[in-house]
Amino acid sequence: MLEVTKLACSRGDHRLFSGLSFRLEPGQILQVDGANGSGKTSLLRALCGFLMPDEGEISWGGISTAKMEEEFYAKILYLGHLNAIKDDLNALENLRIAAGISGCLLDEQQAVSALQRMGLRGRERLPTKVLSQGQRRRVALARLLVNQAKLWILDEPLTALDVGAVHLIETLLMEHLARQGMVIFTTHQPLQVPGLRTLSLS
């Protein structure tokens, strides 16, 4: 279980939010909502340990994530609103390197299968710099298919995706939840996932 207690974050001298508390249990999905500048990305980055909150605590299974460090980070997969892929590498190389960094052993056929499911059949070995923005986003999102992380933290995962790809992401989220996975995400586009809860930042 992930639990956030009385969390506060600032950007410079501006307080983004304070007193924020929520919990997320296996099989649950939470959308973080709010206007631009309300602190959505800052919250996700704080959960991942990329940003130190001003106040409050983040715990996993009743233990502070600050004390768990690598043990906790091994349980999460963070995908930011940027794709974080290398232009001169092809989709296959990008996916295998990302999986390796996350500690996942991924052979070539597994990577090919994941990219094909993401709608990239025939483009697996093209340099990603020649792909469209939507295809590049699919390369980044293919990590969802090959990572064993319990908690997915996704910042604007639907950016540049067409309707078909959005439906595919909905399916992947539901499959992850059915395996008792957990998801926290932000998006400006509607997602149809049963049991979706919303946390609003004002």
C-alpha atoms as a PDB file:
ATOM      1  CA  MET A   1       0.000   0.000   0.000  1.00  0.00           C
ATOM      2  CA  LEU A   2       1.159   3.530  -0.808  1.00  0.00           C
ATOM      3  CA  GLU A   3       0.226   6.166   1.751  1.00  0.00           C
ATOM      4  CA  VAL A   4       0.806   9.922   1.556  1.00  0.00           C
ATOM      5  CA  THR A   5       0.376  11.920   4.764  1.00  0.00           C
ATOM      6  CA  LYS A   6       0.143  15.716   5.025  1.00  0.00           C
ATOM      7  CA  LEU A   7       2.429  16.294   2.053  1.00  0.00           C
ATOM      8  CA  ALA A   8       3.450  19.818   1.030  1.00  0.00           C
ATOM      9  CA  CYS A   9       5.446  20.923  -2.008  1.00  0.00           C
ATOM     10  CA  SER A  10       6.616  24.316  -3.250  1.00  0.00           C
ATOM     11  CA  ARG A  11       8.097  25.767  -6.411  1.00  0.00           C
ATOM     12  CA  GLY A  12      10.436  28.546  -5.399  1.00  0.00           C
ATOM     13  CA  ASP A  13       8.500  30.744  -2.970  1.00  0.00           C
ATOM     14  CA  HIS A  14       5.126  29.485  -4.217  1.00  0.00           C
ATOM     15  CA  ARG A  15       3.374  26.760  -2.233  1.00  0.00           C
ATOM     16  CA  LEU A  16       1.802  24.318  -4.693  1.00  0.00           C
ATOM     17  CA  PHE A  17      -0.157  22.253  -2.175  1.00  0.00           C
ATOM     18  CA  SER A  18      -0.097  21.359   1.504  1.00  0.00           C
ATOM     19  CA  GLY A  19      -1.787  18.925   3.873  1.00  0.00           C
ATOM     20  CA  LEU A  20      -2.233  16.402   1.042  1.00  0.00           C
ATOM     21  CA  SER A  21      -3.135  12.901   2.228  1.00  0.00           C
ATOM     22  CA  PHE A  22      -4.306   9.801   0.359  1.00  0.00           C
ATOM     23  CA  ARG A  23      -3.704   6.074   0.136  1.00  0.00           C
ATOM     24  CA  LEU A  24      -3.571   3.643  -2.751  1.00  0.00           C
ATOM     25  CA  GLU A  25      -3.991  -0.105  -2.388  1.00  0.00           C
ATOM     26  CA  PRO A  26      -3.371  -3.011  -4.796  1.00  0.00           C
ATOM     27  CA  GLY A  27      -5.794  -3.002  -7.723  1.00  0.00           C
ATOM     28  CA  GLN A  28      -6.534   0.734  -7.420  1.00  0.00           C
ATOM     29  CA  ILE A  29      -6.015   3.583  -9.885  1.00  0.00           C
ATOM     30  CA  LEU A  30      -5.876   7.300  -9.065  1.00  0.00           C
ATOM     31  CA  GLN A  31      -5.948  10.274 -11.422  1.00  0.00           C
ATOM     32  CA  VAL A  32      -4.328  13.473 -10.158  1.00  0.00           C
ATOM     33  CA  ASP A  33      -6.329  16.398 -11.521  1.00  0.00           C
ATOM     34  CA  GLY A  34      -5.844  20.157 -11.396  1.00  0.00           C
ATOM     35  CA  ALA A  35      -5.092  23.272 -13.408  1.00  0.00           C
ATOM     36  CA  ASN A  36      -1.700  23.903 -14.993  1.00  0.00           C
ATOM     37  CA  GLY A  37       0.759  24.852 -12.269  1.00  0.00           C
ATOM     38  CA  SER A  38      -1.226  23.209  -9.471  1.00  0.00           C
ATOM     39  CA  GLY A  39       1.569  20.742  -8.688  1.00  0.00           C
ATOM     40  CA  LYS A  40       0.529  17.545 -10.475  1.00  0.00           C
ATOM     41  CA  THR A  41       3.948  16.777 -11.894  1.00  0.00           C
ATOM     42  CA  SER A  42       5.632  17.864  -8.653  1.00  0.00           C
ATOM     43  CA  LEU A  43       3.508  15.366  -6.726  1.00  0.00           C
ATOM     44  CA  LEU A  44       4.431  12.529  -9.077  1.00  0.00           C
ATOM     45  CA  ARG A  45       8.117  13.449  -8.893  1.00  0.00           C
ATOM     46  CA  ALA A  46       7.938  13.569  -5.102  1.00  0.00           C
ATOM     47  CA  LEU A  47       6.435  10.073  -5.061  1.00  0.00           C
ATOM     48  CA  CYS A  48       9.368   8.854  -7.154  1.00  0.00           C
ATOM     49  CA  GLY A  49      11.964  10.515  -4.947  1.00  0.00           C
ATOM     50  CA  PHE A  50      13.028  13.014  -7.628  1.00  0.00           C
ATOM     51  CA  LEU A  51      11.823  15.950  -5.537  1.00  0.00           C
ATOM     52  CA  MET A  52      11.953  16.443  -1.786  1.00  0.00           C
ATOM     53  CA  PRO A  53       8.628  17.585  -0.295  1.00  0.00           C
ATOM     54  CA  ASP A  54       8.604  20.481   2.152  1.00  0.00           C
ATOM     55  CA  GLU A  55       6.564  18.537   4.683  1.00  0.00           C
ATOM     56  CA  GLY A  56       4.809  15.228   5.159  1.00  0.00           C
ATOM     57  CA  GLU A  57       5.637  11.589   4.558  1.00  0.00           C
ATOM     58  CA  ILE A  58       5.351   9.017   1.782  1.00  0.00           C
ATOM     59  CA  SER A  59       5.250   5.411   2.924  1.00  0.00           C
ATOM     60  CA  TRP A  60       5.058   1.993   1.277  1.00  0.00           C
ATOM     61  CA  GLY A  61       3.686  -0.869   3.317  1.00  0.00           C
ATOM     62  CA  GLY A  62       3.873   1.292   6.418  1.00  0.00           C
ATOM     63  CA  ILE A  63       7.572   2.138   5.973  1.00  0.00           C
ATOM     64  CA  SER A  64       8.837   5.566   4.911  1.00  0.00           C
ATOM     65  CA  THR A  65      10.084   5.438   1.316  1.00  0.00           C
ATOM     66  CA  ALA A  66      12.978   7.686   2.374  1.00  0.00           C
ATOM     67  CA  LYS A  67      14.240   4.785   4.497  1.00  0.00           C
ATOM     68  CA  MET A  68      13.582   2.120   1.836  1.00  0.00           C
ATOM     69  CA  GLU A  69      15.371   3.905  -1.025  1.00  0.00           C
ATOM     70  CA  GLU A  70      16.323   1.324  -3.708  1.00  0.00           C
ATOM     71  CA  GLU A  71      13.926  -1.278  -2.326  1.00  0.00           C
ATOM     72  CA  PHE A  72      11.022   1.078  -3.040  1.00  0.00           C
ATOM     73  CA  TYR A  73      12.315   2.407  -6.366  1.00  0.00           C
ATOM     74  CA  ALA A  74      12.498  -1.150  -7.687  1.00  0.00           C
ATOM     75  CA  LYS A  75       8.737  -1.377  -7.223  1.00  0.00           C
ATOM     76  CA  ILE A  76       7.817   1.686  -9.315  1.00  0.00           C
ATOM     77  CA  LEU A  77       7.822   2.586 -12.999  1.00  0.00           C
ATOM     78  CA  TYR A  78       7.818   6.299 -13.798  1.00  0.00           C
ATOM     79  CA  LEU A  79       7.026   7.610 -17.269  1.00  0.00           C
ATOM     80  CA  GLY A  80       7.229  11.377 -17.605  1.00  0.00           C
ATOM     81  CA  HIS A  81       5.541  13.572 -20.179  1.00  0.00           C
ATOM     82  CA  LEU A  82       8.817  13.477 -22.145  1.00  0.00           C
ATOM     83  CA  ASN A  83       9.540  10.202 -23.926  1.00  0.00           C
ATOM     84  CA  ALA A  84      13.141   9.806 -22.680  1.00  0.00           C
ATOM     85  CA  ILE A  85      14.234   7.889 -25.773  1.00  0.00           C
ATOM     86  CA  LYS A  86      17.429   8.309 -27.804  1.00  0.00           C
ATOM     87  CA  ASP A  87      16.831   9.545 -31.355  1.00  0.00           C
ATOM     88  CA  ASP A  88      19.742   7.670 -32.923  1.00  0.00           C
ATOM     89  CA  LEU A  89      18.701   4.309 -31.496  1.00  0.00           C
ATOM     90  CA  ASN A  90      15.858   2.275 -32.925  1.00  0.00           C
ATOM     91  CA  ALA A  91      12.718   1.340 -31.029  1.00  0.00           C
ATOM     92  CA  LEU A  92      14.056  -2.110 -30.180  1.00  0.00           C
ATOM     93  CA  GLU A  93      17.307  -0.744 -28.765  1.00  0.00           C
ATOM     94  CA  ASN A  94      15.529   1.952 -26.778  1.00  0.00           C
ATOM     95  CA  LEU A  95      13.158  -0.531 -25.177  1.00  0.00           C
ATOM     96  CA  ARG A  96      15.852  -3.061 -24.284  1.00  0.00           C
ATOM     97  CA  ILE A  97      18.087  -0.380 -22.755  1.00  0.00           C
ATOM     98  CA  ALA A  98      15.197   1.062 -20.712  1.00  0.00           C
ATOM     99  CA  ALA A  99      14.306  -2.417 -19.492  1.00  0.00           C
ATOM    100  CA  GLY A 100      17.920  -3.090 -18.542  1.00  0.00           C
ATOM    101  CA  ILE A 101      18.139   0.120 -16.530  1.00  0.00           C
ATOM    102  CA  SER A 102      15.030  -1.022 -14.652  1.00  0.00           C
ATOM    103  CA  GLY A 103      16.638  -4.369 -13.929  1.00  0.00           C
ATOM    104  CA  CYS A 104      14.511  -6.373 -16.385  1.00  0.00           C
ATOM    105  CA  LEU A 105      16.224  -8.952 -18.614  1.00  0.00           C
ATOM    106  CA  LEU A 106      14.554  -8.549 -21.989  1.00  0.00           C
ATOM    107  CA  ASP A 107      15.519 -10.637 -25.009  1.00  0.00           C
ATOM    108  CA  GLU A 108      15.013  -9.433 -28.564  1.00  0.00           C
ATOM    109  CA  GLN A 109      11.842 -11.437 -29.225  1.00  0.00           C
ATOM    110  CA  GLN A 110      10.173 -10.153 -26.063  1.00  0.00           C
ATOM    111  CA  ALA A 111      11.003  -6.605 -27.071  1.00  0.00           C
ATOM    112  CA  VAL A 112       9.707  -7.145 -30.606  1.00  0.00           C
ATOM    113  CA  SER A 113       6.452  -8.604 -29.268  1.00  0.00           C
ATOM    114  CA  ALA A 114       5.935  -5.634 -26.941  1.00  0.00           C
ATOM    115  CA  LEU A 115       6.546  -3.099 -29.726  1.00  0.00           C
ATOM    116  CA  GLN A 116       4.223  -4.948 -32.072  1.00  0.00           C
ATOM    117  CA  ARG A 117       1.465  -4.953 -29.498  1.00  0.00           C
ATOM    118  CA  MET A 118       1.975  -1.193 -29.210  1.00  0.00           C
ATOM    119  CA  GLY A 119       1.241  -0.893 -32.932  1.00  0.00           C
ATOM    120  CA  LEU A 120       4.835  -0.563 -34.143  1.00  0.00           C
ATOM    121  CA  ARG A 121       5.070  -3.650 -36.345  1.00  0.00           C
ATOM    122  CA  GLY A 122       7.567  -2.994 -39.131  1.00  0.00           C
ATOM    123  CA  ARG A 123       9.077  -0.031 -37.293  1.00  0.00           C
ATOM    124  CA  GLU A 124      11.009  -1.885 -34.611  1.00  0.00           C
ATOM    125  CA  ARG A 125      14.403  -1.254 -36.248  1.00  0.00           C
ATOM    126  CA  LEU A 126      13.869   2.264 -37.535  1.00  0.00           C
ATOM    127  CA  PRO A 127      15.766   5.085 -35.790  1.00  0.00           C
ATOM    128  CA  THR A 128      13.238   6.720 -33.487  1.00  0.00           C
ATOM    129  CA  LYS A 129      14.094  10.149 -34.942  1.00  0.00           C
ATOM    130  CA  VAL A 130      12.171   9.200 -38.120  1.00  0.00           C
ATOM    131  CA  LEU A 131       9.028   8.165 -36.220  1.00  0.00           C
ATOM    132  CA  SER A 132       6.022  10.407 -35.664  1.00  0.00           C
ATOM    133  CA  GLN A 133       5.383  11.898 -32.229  1.00  0.00           C
ATOM    134  CA  GLY A 134       2.626   9.359 -31.617  1.00  0.00           C
ATOM    135  CA  GLN A 135       4.883   6.463 -32.602  1.00  0.00           C
ATOM    136  CA  ARG A 136       7.666   7.772 -30.371  1.00  0.00           C
ATOM    137  CA  ARG A 137       5.202   7.888 -27.491  1.00  0.00           C
ATOM    138  CA  ARG A 138       4.269   4.269 -28.199  1.00  0.00           C
ATOM    139  CA  VAL A 139       7.948   3.308 -27.957  1.00  0.00           C
ATOM    140  CA  ALA A 140       8.120   4.916 -24.507  1.00  0.00           C
ATOM    141  CA  LEU A 141       4.854   3.310 -23.373  1.00  0.00           C
ATOM    142  CA  ALA A 142       6.034  -0.144 -24.473  1.00  0.00           C
ATOM    143  CA  ARG A 143       7.916  -0.183 -21.148  1.00  0.00           C
ATOM    144  CA  LEU A 144       4.561  -0.879 -19.490  1.00  0.00           C
ATOM    145  CA  LEU A 145       4.522  -4.277 -21.198  1.00  0.00           C
ATOM    146  CA  VAL A 146       7.948  -5.420 -20.063  1.00  0.00           C
ATOM    147  CA  ASN A 147       8.369  -3.961 -16.579  1.00  0.00           C
ATOM    148  CA  GLN A 148       7.391  -5.896 -13.439  1.00  0.00           C
ATOM    149  CA  ALA A 149       6.878  -2.805 -11.265  1.00  0.00           C
ATOM    150  CA  LYS A 150       3.952  -2.898  -8.851  1.00  0.00           C
ATOM    151  CA  LEU A 151       3.224   0.845  -9.036  1.00  0.00           C
ATOM    152  CA  TRP A 152       2.980   2.777 -12.319  1.00  0.00           C
ATOM    153  CA  ILE A 153       3.418   6.553 -12.023  1.00  0.00           C
ATOM    154  CA  LEU A 154       2.483   8.129 -15.361  1.00  0.00           C
ATOM    155  CA  ASP A 155       2.664  11.826 -16.242  1.00  0.00           C
ATOM    156  CA  GLU A 156       0.473  12.605 -19.276  1.00  0.00           C
ATOM    157  CA  PRO A 157       0.780   9.116 -20.821  1.00  0.00           C
ATOM    158  CA  LEU A 158      -1.741   9.905 -23.593  1.00  0.00           C
ATOM    159  CA  THR A 159       0.218  12.792 -25.137  1.00  0.00           C
ATOM    160  CA  ALA A 160       0.261  12.560 -28.981  1.00  0.00           C
ATOM    161  CA  LEU A 161      -1.729   9.299 -29.035  1.00  0.00           C
ATOM    162  CA  ASP A 162      -4.619   8.615 -31.423  1.00  0.00           C
ATOM    163  CA  VAL A 163      -7.928   7.055 -30.370  1.00  0.00           C
ATOM    164  CA  GLY A 164      -6.759   3.506 -31.031  1.00  0.00           C
ATOM    165  CA  ALA A 165      -3.664   3.937 -28.887  1.00  0.00           C
ATOM    166  CA  VAL A 166      -5.709   5.474 -26.066  1.00  0.00           C
ATOM    167  CA  HIS A 167      -7.958   2.394 -26.052  1.00  0.00           C
ATOM    168  CA  LEU A 168      -4.850   0.191 -25.918  1.00  0.00           C
ATOM    169  CA  ILE A 169      -3.505   2.085 -22.902  1.00  0.00           C
ATOM    170  CA  GLU A 170      -6.880   1.663 -21.172  1.00  0.00           C
ATOM    171  CA  THR A 171      -6.576  -2.089 -21.752  1.00  0.00           C
ATOM    172  CA  LEU A 172      -3.025  -2.183 -20.386  1.00  0.00           C
ATOM    173  CA  LEU A 173      -4.097  -0.280 -17.274  1.00  0.00           C
ATOM    174  CA  MET A 174      -6.977  -2.680 -16.639  1.00  0.00           C
ATOM    175  CA  GLU A 175      -4.689  -5.695 -17.090  1.00  0.00           C
ATOM    176  CA  HIS A 176      -2.212  -4.210 -14.599  1.00  0.00           C
ATOM    177  CA  LEU A 177      -4.968  -3.555 -12.058  1.00  0.00           C
ATOM    178  CA  ALA A 178      -6.290  -7.095 -12.499  1.00  0.00           C
ATOM    179  CA  ARG A 179      -2.815  -8.324 -11.460  1.00  0.00           C
ATOM    180  CA  GLN A 180      -3.197  -6.206  -8.302  1.00  0.00           C
ATOM    181  CA  GLY A 181      -0.970  -3.497  -9.706  1.00  0.00           C
ATOM    182  CA  MET A 182      -1.443   0.177  -8.812  1.00  0.00           C
ATOM    183  CA  VAL A 183      -1.529   3.310 -10.971  1.00  0.00           C
ATOM    184  CA  ILE A 184      -1.232   7.045 -10.318  1.00  0.00           C
ATOM    185  CA  PHE A 185      -1.401   9.286 -13.382  1.00  0.00           C
ATOM    186  CA  THR A 186      -2.173  12.699 -14.812  1.00  0.00           C
ATOM    187  CA  THR A 187      -3.900  13.390 -18.116  1.00  0.00           C
ATOM    188  CA  HIS A 188      -5.851  16.082 -19.924  1.00  0.00           C
ATOM    189  CA  GLN A 189      -7.742  13.415 -21.877  1.00  0.00           C
ATOM    190  CA  PRO A 190     -10.548  11.232 -20.498  1.00  0.00           C
ATOM    191  CA  LEU A 191      -9.759   7.615 -19.658  1.00  0.00           C
ATOM    192  CA  GLN A 192     -12.388   4.906 -19.299  1.00  0.00           C
ATOM    193  CA  VAL A 193     -11.094   2.589 -16.572  1.00  0.00           C
ATOM    194  CA  PRO A 194     -13.411   0.969 -13.987  1.00  0.00           C
ATOM    195  CA  GLY A 195     -12.805   2.064 -10.403  1.00  0.00           C
ATOM    196  CA  LEU A 196     -10.983   5.249 -11.388  1.00  0.00           C
ATOM    197  CA  ARG A 197     -10.695   7.747  -8.509  1.00  0.00           C
ATOM    198  CA  THR A 198      -9.709  11.388  -8.813  1.00  0.00           C
ATOM    199  CA  LEU A 199      -7.519  13.490  -6.542  1.00  0.00           C
ATOM    200  CA  SER A 200      -7.947  17.204  -7.247  1.00  0.00           C
ATOM    201  CA  LEU A 201      -5.199  19.753  -6.569  1.00  0.00           C
ATOM    202  CA  SER A 202      -6.552  23.282  -6.258  1.00  0.00           C
END
